[in-house]
C-alpha atoms as a PDB file:
ATOM      1  CA  MET A   1     117.733 126.227  67.561  1.00  0.00           C
ATOM      2  CA  GLY A   2     120.033 125.368  70.399  1.00  0.00           C
ATOM      3  CA  VAL A   3     119.441 122.563  72.858  1.00  0.00           C
ATOM      4  CA  GLU A   4     118.739 123.685  76.395  1.00  0.00           C
ATOM      5  CA  SER A   5     121.460 122.570  78.748  1.00  0.00           C
ATOM      6  CA  VAL A   6     120.554 120.100  81.464  1.00  0.00           C
ATOM      7  CA  ASP A   7     121.767 120.473  85.014  1.00  0.00           C
ATOM      8  CA  VAL A   8     123.055 116.992  85.752  1.00  0.00           C
ATOM      9  CA  GLU A   9     123.380 117.891  89.415  1.00  0.00           C
ATOM     10  CA  ARG A  10     119.703 118.653  89.852  1.00  0.00           C
ATOM     11  CA  THR A  11     117.809 116.541  92.316  1.00  0.00           C
ATOM     12  CA  HIS A  12     115.371 113.815  91.377  1.00  0.00           C
ATOM     13  CA  PRO A  13     112.925 113.920  94.298  1.00  0.00           C
ATOM     14  CA  TRP A  14     110.890 110.856  93.423  1.00  0.00           C
ATOM     15  CA  LEU A  15     113.988 108.724  92.802  1.00  0.00           C
ATOM     16  CA  ASP A  16     115.436 109.871  96.103  1.00  0.00           C
ATOM     17  CA  ALA A  17     112.185 109.173  97.946  1.00  0.00           C
ATOM     18  CA  ALA A  18     111.743 105.766  96.291  1.00  0.00           C
ATOM     19  CA  ARG A  19     115.302 104.850  97.212  1.00  0.00           C
ATOM     20  CA  GLY A  20     114.430 105.732 100.787  1.00  0.00           C
ATOM     21  CA  VAL A  21     111.414 103.412 100.704  1.00  0.00           C
ATOM     22  CA  LEU A  22     113.528 100.537  99.378  1.00  0.00           C
ATOM     23  CA  ASP A  23     116.171 101.177 102.023  1.00  0.00           C
ATOM     24  CA  ARG A  24     113.521 101.033 104.754  1.00  0.00           C
ATOM     25  CA  ILE A  25     112.215  97.753 103.369  1.00  0.00           C
ATOM     26  CA  ALA A  26     115.742  96.324 103.321  1.00  0.00           C
ATOM     27  CA  ASP A  27     116.460  97.554 106.851  1.00  0.00           C
ATOM     28  CA  THR A  28     113.204  96.517 108.526  1.00  0.00           C
ATOM     29  CA  GLN A  29     111.357  93.821 106.556  1.00  0.00           C
ATOM     30  CA  GLY A  30     113.989  91.113 106.149  1.00  0.00           C
ATOM     31  CA  ALA A  31     112.563  88.827 108.829  1.00  0.00           C
ATOM     32  CA  ALA A  32     109.002  89.099 107.505  1.00  0.00           C
ATOM     33  CA  ILE A  33     110.149  88.502 103.918  1.00  0.00           C
ATOM     34  CA  GLU A  34     112.096  85.449 105.034  1.00  0.00           C
ATOM     35  CA  GLU A  35     109.108  84.061 106.944  1.00  0.00           C
ATOM     36  CA  ALA A  36     106.843  84.637 103.953  1.00  0.00           C
ATOM     37  CA  SER A  37     109.388  83.059 101.606  1.00  0.00           C
ATOM     38  CA  ARG A  38     109.613  79.928 103.735  1.00  0.00           C
ATOM     39  CA  LEU A  39     105.822  79.594 103.825  1.00  0.00           C
ATOM     40  CA  CYS A  40     105.685  79.938 100.029  1.00  0.00           C
ATOM     41  CA  ALA A  41     108.552  77.510  99.431  1.00  0.00           C
ATOM     42  CA  ALA A  42     106.974  74.905 101.714  1.00  0.00           C
ATOM     43  CA  ALA A  43     103.637  75.217  99.911  1.00  0.00           C
ATOM     44  CA  ILE A  44     105.171  74.835  96.451  1.00  0.00           C
ATOM     45  CA  ALA A  45     107.446  71.965  97.528  1.00  0.00           C
ATOM     46  CA  GLN A  46     104.377  70.099  98.831  1.00  0.00           C
ATOM     47  CA  ASP A  47     102.629  70.483  95.458  1.00  0.00           C
ATOM     48  CA  GLY A  48     100.489  73.313  96.790  1.00  0.00           C
ATOM     49  CA  LEU A  49      99.845  76.831  95.596  1.00  0.00           C
ATOM     50  CA  VAL A  50     100.464  80.328  96.853  1.00  0.00           C
ATOM     51  CA  HIS A  51      97.287  82.199  95.957  1.00  0.00           C
ATOM     52  CA  LEU A  52      97.810  85.896  95.181  1.00  0.00           C
ATOM     53  CA  PHE A  53      95.071  88.491  95.503  1.00  0.00           C
ATOM     54  CA  GLY A  54      94.873  92.255  95.150  1.00  0.00           C
ATOM     55  CA  THR A  55      92.365  94.896  94.133  1.00  0.00           C
ATOM     56  CA  GLY A  56      92.961  98.240  92.453  1.00  0.00           C
ATOM     57  CA  HIS A  57      96.582  98.869  91.576  1.00  0.00           C
ATOM     58  CA  SER A  58      97.510  96.055  93.939  1.00  0.00           C
ATOM     59  CA  ARG A  59      96.922  93.713  91.013  1.00  0.00           C
ATOM     60  CA  ILE A  60     100.373  94.809  89.768  1.00  0.00           C
ATOM     61  CA  PRO A  61     102.390  92.718  92.256  1.00  0.00           C
ATOM     62  CA  VAL A  62     100.084  89.768  91.566  1.00  0.00           C
ATOM     63  CA  GLU A  63     101.079  89.828  87.892  1.00  0.00           C
ATOM     64  CA  GLU A  64     104.697  90.578  88.763  1.00  0.00           C
ATOM     65  CA  MET A  65     104.973  87.370  90.768  1.00  0.00           C
ATOM     66  CA  PHE A  66     103.737  85.097  87.943  1.00  0.00           C
ATOM     67  CA  PRO A  67     103.876  84.839  84.978  1.00  0.00           C
ATOM     68  CA  ARG A  68     106.946  86.978  84.240  1.00  0.00           C
ATOM     69  CA  TYR A  69     110.440  86.285  82.966  1.00  0.00           C
ATOM     70  CA  GLY A  70     112.386  84.905  85.879  1.00  0.00           C
ATOM     71  CA  SER A  71     109.210  83.472  87.453  1.00  0.00           C
ATOM     72  CA  PHE A  72     108.022  79.930  88.042  1.00  0.00           C
ATOM     73  CA  PRO A  73     104.805  77.985  88.736  1.00  0.00           C
ATOM     74  CA  GLY A  74     103.427  77.553  92.216  1.00  0.00           C
ATOM     75  CA  PHE A  75     101.951  81.040  92.448  1.00  0.00           C
ATOM     76  CA  HIS A  76      98.266  81.349  91.535  1.00  0.00           C
ATOM     77  CA  PRO A  77      97.038  84.833  90.543  1.00  0.00           C
ATOM     78  CA  ILE A  78      93.465  85.692  91.505  1.00  0.00           C
ATOM     79  CA  VAL A  79      92.356  89.030  90.030  1.00  0.00           C
ATOM     80  CA  GLU A  80      88.834  90.362  89.553  1.00  0.00           C
ATOM     81  CA  LEU A  81      88.606  92.642  86.506  1.00  0.00           C
ATOM     82  CA  SER A  82      85.712  94.565  88.055  1.00  0.00           C
ATOM     83  CA  MET A  83      88.100  95.902  90.704  1.00  0.00           C
ATOM     84  CA  THR A  84      91.286  96.230  88.674  1.00  0.00           C
ATOM     85  CA  PHE A  85      90.403  97.536  85.212  1.00  0.00           C
ATOM     86  CA  HIS A  86      91.328 101.210  85.381  1.00  0.00           C
ATOM     87  CA  THR A  87      92.172 102.471  81.919  1.00  0.00           C
ATOM     88  CA  GLN A  88      88.674 103.615  80.943  1.00  0.00           C
ATOM     89  CA  VAL A  89      88.508 105.787  84.116  1.00  0.00           C
ATOM     90  CA  ALA A  90      85.012 107.172  83.443  1.00  0.00           C
ATOM     91  CA  GLY A  91      81.897 105.703  81.894  1.00  0.00           C
ATOM     92  CA  ALA A  92      81.264 101.973  81.725  1.00  0.00           C
ATOM     93  CA  ASN A  93      83.932 100.003  83.656  1.00  0.00           C
ATOM     94  CA  GLY A  94      85.017 103.279  85.241  1.00  0.00           C
ATOM     95  CA  GLN A  95      87.073 104.011  88.307  1.00  0.00           C
ATOM     96  CA  ARG A  96      84.074 104.986  90.440  1.00  0.00           C
ATOM     97  CA  GLN A  97      82.611 101.527  90.036  1.00  0.00           C
ATOM     98  CA  ALA A  98      85.892  99.749  90.740  1.00  0.00           C
ATOM     99  CA  MET A  99      86.451 101.706  93.948  1.00  0.00           C
ATOM    100  CA  PHE A 100      82.860 101.062  95.026  1.00  0.00           C
ATOM    101  CA  ILE A 101      83.026  97.328  94.361  1.00  0.00           C
ATOM    102  CA  GLU A 102      86.204  96.758  96.386  1.00  0.00           C
ATOM    103  CA  ARG A 103      84.424  98.229  99.418  1.00  0.00           C
ATOM    104  CA  VAL A 104      81.447  95.863  99.236  1.00  0.00           C
ATOM    105  CA  PRO A 105      81.278  93.538 102.269  1.00  0.00           C
ATOM    106  CA  GLY A 106      80.537  89.912 101.476  1.00  0.00           C
ATOM    107  CA  LEU A 107      82.085  89.899  98.007  1.00  0.00           C
ATOM    108  CA  ALA A 108      85.241  88.087  99.130  1.00  0.00           C
ATOM    109  CA  ASP A 109      83.234  85.055 100.204  1.00  0.00           C
ATOM    110  CA  VAL A 110      81.452  85.040  96.852  1.00  0.00           C
ATOM    111  CA  ILE A 111      84.819  85.043  95.050  1.00  0.00           C
ATOM    112  CA  LEU A 112      86.179  82.256  97.243  1.00  0.00           C
ATOM    113  CA  GLN A 113      83.191  80.037  96.476  1.00  0.00           C
ATOM    114  CA  ASN A 114      84.846  79.442  93.105  1.00  0.00           C
ATOM    115  CA  PHE A 115      87.920  77.786  94.588  1.00  0.00           C
ATOM    116  CA  SER A 116      88.928  74.648  96.420  1.00  0.00           C
ATOM    117  CA  PHE A 117      92.086  74.988  98.501  1.00  0.00           C
ATOM    118  CA  GLY A 118      94.641  72.343  99.366  1.00  0.00           C
ATOM    119  CA  ALA A 119      96.151  71.520 102.735  1.00  0.00           C
ATOM    120  CA  ALA A 120      99.521  73.003 101.771  1.00  0.00           C
ATOM    121  CA  ASP A 121      98.210  76.235 100.227  1.00  0.00           C
ATOM    122  CA  VAL A 122      99.030  79.795 101.298  1.00  0.00           C
ATOM    123  CA  MET A 123      97.255  83.105 100.594  1.00  0.00           C
ATOM    124  CA  MET A 124      99.163  86.332  99.890  1.00  0.00           C
ATOM    125  CA  ILE A 125      97.100  89.529  99.779  1.00  0.00           C
ATOM    126  CA  PHE A 126      98.204  92.972  98.622  1.00  0.00           C
ATOM    127  CA  SER A 127      96.542  96.207  99.740  1.00  0.00           C
ATOM    128  CA  ALA A 128      98.402  99.436 100.415  1.00  0.00           C
ATOM    129  CA  SER A 129      95.656 100.833 102.648  1.00  0.00           C
ATOM    130  CA  GLY A 130      94.609  97.475 104.055  1.00  0.00           C
ATOM    131  CA  LEU A 131      91.154  98.873 104.741  1.00  0.00           C
ATOM    132  CA  SER A 132      88.901  97.963 101.799  1.00  0.00           C
ATOM    133  CA  ALA A 133      86.342  95.290 102.501  1.00  0.00           C
ATOM    134  CA  VAL A 134      87.311  92.781  99.823  1.00  0.00           C
ATOM    135  CA  PRO A 135      91.016  92.269 100.676  1.00  0.00           C
ATOM    136  CA  VAL A 136      90.333  92.340 104.424  1.00  0.00           C
ATOM    137  CA  GLU A 137      87.524  89.807 104.176  1.00  0.00           C
ATOM    138  CA  MET A 138      89.547  87.730 101.702  1.00  0.00           C
ATOM    139  CA  ALA A 139      92.244  87.344 104.349  1.00  0.00           C
ATOM    140  CA  ARG A 140      89.747  86.550 107.078  1.00  0.00           C
ATOM    141  CA  ALA A 141      87.972  83.960 104.937  1.00  0.00           C
ATOM    142  CA  ALA A 142      91.254  82.369 103.872  1.00  0.00           C
ATOM    143  CA  ARG A 143      92.272  81.885 107.500  1.00  0.00           C
ATOM    144  CA  VAL A 144      88.887  80.349 108.280  1.00  0.00           C
ATOM    145  CA  ARG A 145      89.658  77.869 105.502  1.00  0.00           C
ATOM    146  CA  GLY A 146      92.973  77.025 107.150  1.00  0.00           C
ATOM    147  CA  LEU A 147      95.356  78.948 104.886  1.00  0.00           C
ATOM    148  CA  PRO A 148      98.247  80.928 106.353  1.00  0.00           C
ATOM    149  CA  VAL A 149      97.865  84.544 105.206  1.00  0.00           C
ATOM    150  CA  ILE A 150     100.663  86.873 104.164  1.00  0.00           C
ATOM    151  CA  ALA A 151      99.632  90.539 104.052  1.00  0.00           C
ATOM    152  CA  VAL A 152     101.620  93.080 102.066  1.00  0.00           C
ATOM    153  CA  THR A 153     100.434  96.521 103.161  1.00  0.00           C
ATOM    154  CA  SER A 154     101.495  99.973 104.286  1.00  0.00           C
ATOM    155  CA  VAL A 155     101.335  99.941 108.061  1.00  0.00           C
ATOM    156  CA  ALA A 156     101.441 103.739 108.276  1.00  0.00           C
ATOM    157  CA  GLN A 157      98.680 104.233 105.744  1.00  0.00           C
ATOM    158  CA  SER A 158      96.526 101.535 107.264  1.00  0.00           C
ATOM    159  CA  ALA A 159      96.907 102.907 110.790  1.00  0.00           C
ATOM    160  CA  ALA A 160      95.976 106.403 109.601  1.00  0.00           C
ATOM    161  CA  GLY A 161      92.653 105.308 108.125  1.00  0.00           C
ATOM    162  CA  ASP A 162      89.401 104.465 109.844  1.00  0.00           C
ATOM    163  CA  VAL A 163      88.180 100.889 109.979  1.00  0.00           C
ATOM    164  CA  ASP A 164      84.862 100.381 108.211  1.00  0.00           C
ATOM    165  CA  PRO A 165      82.534  99.097 110.977  1.00  0.00           C
ATOM    166  CA  ARG A 166      80.937  96.759 108.440  1.00  0.00           C
ATOM    167  CA  VAL A 167      84.353  95.140 107.912  1.00  0.00           C
ATOM    168  CA  GLY A 168      85.584  95.252 111.495  1.00  0.00           C
ATOM    169  CA  GLY A 169      89.329  95.224 110.946  1.00  0.00           C
ATOM    170  CA  ARG A 170      92.381  95.939 108.861  1.00  0.00           C
ATOM    171  CA  LEU A 171      94.207  93.552 106.565  1.00  0.00           C
ATOM    172  CA  LEU A 172      97.158  93.452 108.954  1.00  0.00           C
ATOM    173  CA  ASP A 173      94.786  92.247 111.706  1.00  0.00           C
ATOM    174  CA  GLU A 174      93.873  89.197 109.621  1.00  0.00           C
ATOM    175  CA  ALA A 175      97.382  88.027 108.664  1.00  0.00           C
ATOM    176  CA  ASP A 176      99.886  85.521 109.985  1.00  0.00           C
ATOM    177  CA  VAL A 177     102.756  87.456 108.393  1.00  0.00           C
ATOM    178  CA  VAL A 178     102.722  91.203 107.714  1.00  0.00           C
ATOM    179  CA  ILE A 179     105.168  92.790 105.274  1.00  0.00           C
ATOM    180  CA  ASP A 180     105.238  96.577 105.526  1.00  0.00           C
ATOM    181  CA  LEU A 181     105.573  98.464 102.245  1.00  0.00           C
ATOM    182  CA  CYS A 182     107.155 101.309 104.241  1.00  0.00           C
ATOM    183  CA  THR A 183     105.239 103.876 102.210  1.00  0.00           C
ATOM    184  CA  PRO A 184     103.719 106.992 103.802  1.00  0.00           C
ATOM    185  CA  VAL A 185     100.154 107.948 104.549  1.00  0.00           C
ATOM    186  CA  GLY A 186      98.474 108.668 101.215  1.00  0.00           C
ATOM    187  CA  ASP A 187     101.133 106.727  99.267  1.00  0.00           C
ATOM    188  CA  ALA A 188     102.503 109.690  97.267  1.00  0.00           C
ATOM    189  CA  LEU A 189     106.143 110.422  98.040  1.00  0.00           C
ATOM    190  CA  CYS A 190     106.853 113.989  96.886  1.00  0.00           C
ATOM    191  CA  THR A 191     105.753 117.527  97.593  1.00  0.00           C
ATOM    192  CA  VAL A 192     105.896 120.211  94.936  1.00  0.00           C
ATOM    193  CA  ASP A 193     106.272 123.927  95.564  1.00  0.00           C
ATOM    194  CA  GLY A 194     102.929 125.679  95.233  1.00  0.00           C
ATOM    195  CA  LEU A 195     100.973 122.416  95.411  1.00  0.00           C
ATOM    196  CA  ASP A 196      99.174 121.303  98.559  1.00  0.00           C
ATOM    197  CA  THR A 197      98.734 117.664  97.447  1.00  0.00           C
ATOM    198  CA  PRO A 198     101.623 115.180  97.179  1.00  0.00           C
ATOM    199  CA  VAL A 199     102.481 113.387  93.934  1.00  0.00           C
ATOM    200  CA  GLY A 200     104.331 110.258  92.848  1.00  0.00           C
ATOM    201  CA  PRO A 201     103.007 107.089  94.562  1.00  0.00           C
ATOM    202  CA  GLY A 202     105.457 104.631  96.065  1.00  0.00           C
ATOM    203  CA  SER A 203     103.443 101.488  96.730  1.00  0.00           C
ATOM    204  CA  THR A 204     103.975  99.967  93.281  1.00  0.00           C
ATOM    205  CA  ILE A 205     107.760  99.983  93.438  1.00  0.00           C
ATOM    206  CA  ALA A 206     107.560  98.808  97.046  1.00  0.00           C
ATOM    207  CA  ASN A 207     105.214  95.941  96.128  1.00  0.00           C
ATOM    208  CA  VAL A 208     107.348  94.873  93.183  1.00  0.00           C
ATOM    209  CA  THR A 209     110.432  94.951  95.406  1.00  0.00           C
ATOM    210  CA  VAL A 210     108.754  92.745  97.993  1.00  0.00           C
ATOM    211  CA  VAL A 211     107.442  90.143  95.542  1.00  0.00           C
ATOM    212  CA  ASN A 212     110.730  89.816  93.697  1.00  0.00           C
ATOM    213  CA  SER A 213     112.606  89.502  96.990  1.00  0.00           C
ATOM    214  CA  ILE A 214     110.248  86.693  97.936  1.00  0.00           C
ATOM    215  CA  LYS A 215     110.445  85.129  94.475  1.00  0.00           C
ATOM    216  CA  VAL A 216     114.237  84.938  94.505  1.00  0.00           C
ATOM    217  CA  ARG A 217     114.388  83.617  98.068  1.00  0.00           C
ATOM    218  CA  VAL A 218     111.749  80.975  97.278  1.00  0.00           C
ATOM    219  CA  ALA A 219     113.781  79.941  94.226  1.00  0.00           C
ATOM    220  CA  GLU A 220     116.858  79.540  96.438  1.00  0.00           C
ATOM    221  CA  LEU A 221     114.959  77.382  98.920  1.00  0.00           C
ATOM    222  CA  LEU A 222     113.305  75.235  96.246  1.00  0.00           C
ATOM    223  CA  ALA A 223     116.527  74.797  94.285  1.00  0.00           C
ATOM    224  CA  ALA A 224     118.301  73.667  97.448  1.00  0.00           C
ATOM    225  CA  SER A 225     115.647  71.008  98.046  1.00  0.00           C
ATOM    226  CA  GLY A 226     115.393  69.957  94.386  1.00  0.00           C
ATOM    227  CA  ASN A 227     111.808  71.224  94.034  1.00  0.00           C
ATOM    228  CA  LEU A 228     112.143  74.283  91.793  1.00  0.00           C
ATOM    229  CA  PRO A 229     109.657  74.221  88.876  1.00  0.00           C
ATOM    230  CA  PRO A 230     110.721  75.408  85.389  1.00  0.00           C
ATOM    231  CA  VAL A 231     111.629  79.098  85.297  1.00  0.00           C
ATOM    232  CA  LEU A 232     110.316  81.318  82.491  1.00  0.00           C
ATOM    233  CA  THR A 233     113.502  82.474  80.731  1.00  0.00           C
ATOM    234  CA  ALA A 234     114.133  84.649  77.683  1.00  0.00           C
ATOM    235  CA  ALA A 235     115.550  83.252  74.456  1.00  0.00           C
ATOM    236  CA  SER A 236     118.294  85.862  74.640  1.00  0.00           C
ATOM    237  CA  VAL A 237     119.553  84.107  77.765  1.00  0.00           C
ATOM    238  CA  VAL A 238     119.152  80.389  77.010  1.00  0.00           C
ATOM    239  CA  GLY A 239     118.417  80.236  73.284  1.00  0.00           C
ATOM    240  CA  ALA A 240     115.115  80.042  71.466  1.00  0.00           C
ATOM    241  CA  GLU A 241     114.605  76.289  71.717  1.00  0.00           C
ATOM    242  CA  ARG A 242     115.255  76.000  75.436  1.00  0.00           C
ATOM    243  CA  SER A 243     113.281  79.154  76.176  1.00  0.00           C
ATOM    244  CA  ALA A 244     110.251  77.763  74.347  1.00  0.00           C
ATOM    245  CA  GLY A 245     110.631  74.481  76.213  1.00  0.00           C
ATOM    246  CA  LEU A 246     110.799  76.221  79.579  1.00  0.00           C
ATOM    247  CA  PHE A 247     107.694  78.245  78.813  1.00  0.00           C
ATOM    248  CA  GLU A 248     105.720  75.169  77.774  1.00  0.00           C
ATOM    249  CA  ALA A 249     106.917  73.206  80.787  1.00  0.00           C
ATOM    250  CA  ALA A 250     106.050  76.063  83.143  1.00  0.00           C
ATOM    251  CA  TYR A 251     102.588  76.515  81.611  1.00  0.00           C
ATOM    252  CA  ARG A 252     101.899  72.779  81.870  1.00  0.00           C
ATOM    253  CA  GLU A 253     103.026  72.731  85.488  1.00  0.00           C
ATOM    254  CA  HIS A 254     100.876  75.736  86.318  1.00  0.00           C
ATOM    255  CA  ALA A 255      97.887  74.110  84.615  1.00  0.00           C
ATOM    256  CA  ARG A 256      98.463  70.865  86.505  1.00  0.00           C
ATOM    257  CA  ARG A 257      98.517  72.623  89.864  1.00  0.00           C
ATOM    258  CA  ALA A 258      95.660  74.969  89.018  1.00  0.00           C
ATOM    259  CA  ALA A 259      93.429  72.170  87.718  1.00  0.00           C
ATOM    260  CA  ARG A 260      92.347  71.268  91.227  1.00  0.00           C
ATOM    261  CA  VAL A 261      91.604  74.855  92.239  1.00  0.00           C
ATOM    262  CA  LEU A 262      88.244  75.432  90.562  1.00  0.00           C
ATOM    263  CA  ARG A 263      85.575  74.195  92.890  1.00  0.00           C
ATOM    264  CA  THR A 264      82.904  71.801  91.709  1.00  0.00           C
ATOM    265  CA  GLU A 265      79.539  71.163  93.310  1.00  0.00           C
ATOM    266  CA  ASP A 266      80.899  67.970  94.820  1.00  0.00           C
ATOM    267  CA  ASP A 267      83.799  69.700  96.581  1.00  0.00           C
ATOM    268  CA  THR A 268      83.651  70.001 100.346  1.00  0.00           C
ATOM    269  CA  GLU A 269      84.904  73.291 101.690  1.00  0.00           C
ATOM    270  CA  ARG A 270      87.864  73.192 104.046  1.00  0.00           C
END
């Protein structure tokens, strides 16, 4: 049986559309990324933490920031499984429940009751729509506690949606720095002939682009000031012994910084 020939000149619509999103980020979001990077670098240099929060698929950039190869301590992931566990889809722990929970007003304050924040800390929140109650109220509550807030969101998608009157705002309304994902209304990037609904979301690649841009810039700033923590690095790059040492050093440093985060009954809220 012969092998069907492949037209190497055929278009790749999602790749083309994703490239367009990344180009728009590069062309328009440089100043916001730089401002966010400087806030993060200052927090980490002062022995603080950059707290990372996202619901739904916006947990992906949280995990991308730390811990990953090429990442370093100073970033503190905060992820609630009830709003981010999607693989079962239906039944117990299903998608309906996750989408319902992230729209519940008041939950953000309940989550934040678990944590004690430092004077140097920063909060970075990811939400493509920027409309769900939990991320919006997380940003609002973080600012009340004195933390600068960085919002990573799709401005177009957020503007196209209606504000929940119980929430009273969008994520971008509650932020000190707004980084636009530059993704379209509805997130999906491609249309298909004969199909009236778009396919191929773009917010994940946009989010990962933003966090790695910030990560690298923060590393540059911290290295220049002599404050860069150990970087998680593969054995194939630095050898097995040094790689293991870097991992252990990074985990210890993360544990040291995170040890003060869990709130005890004697803590006073900022």
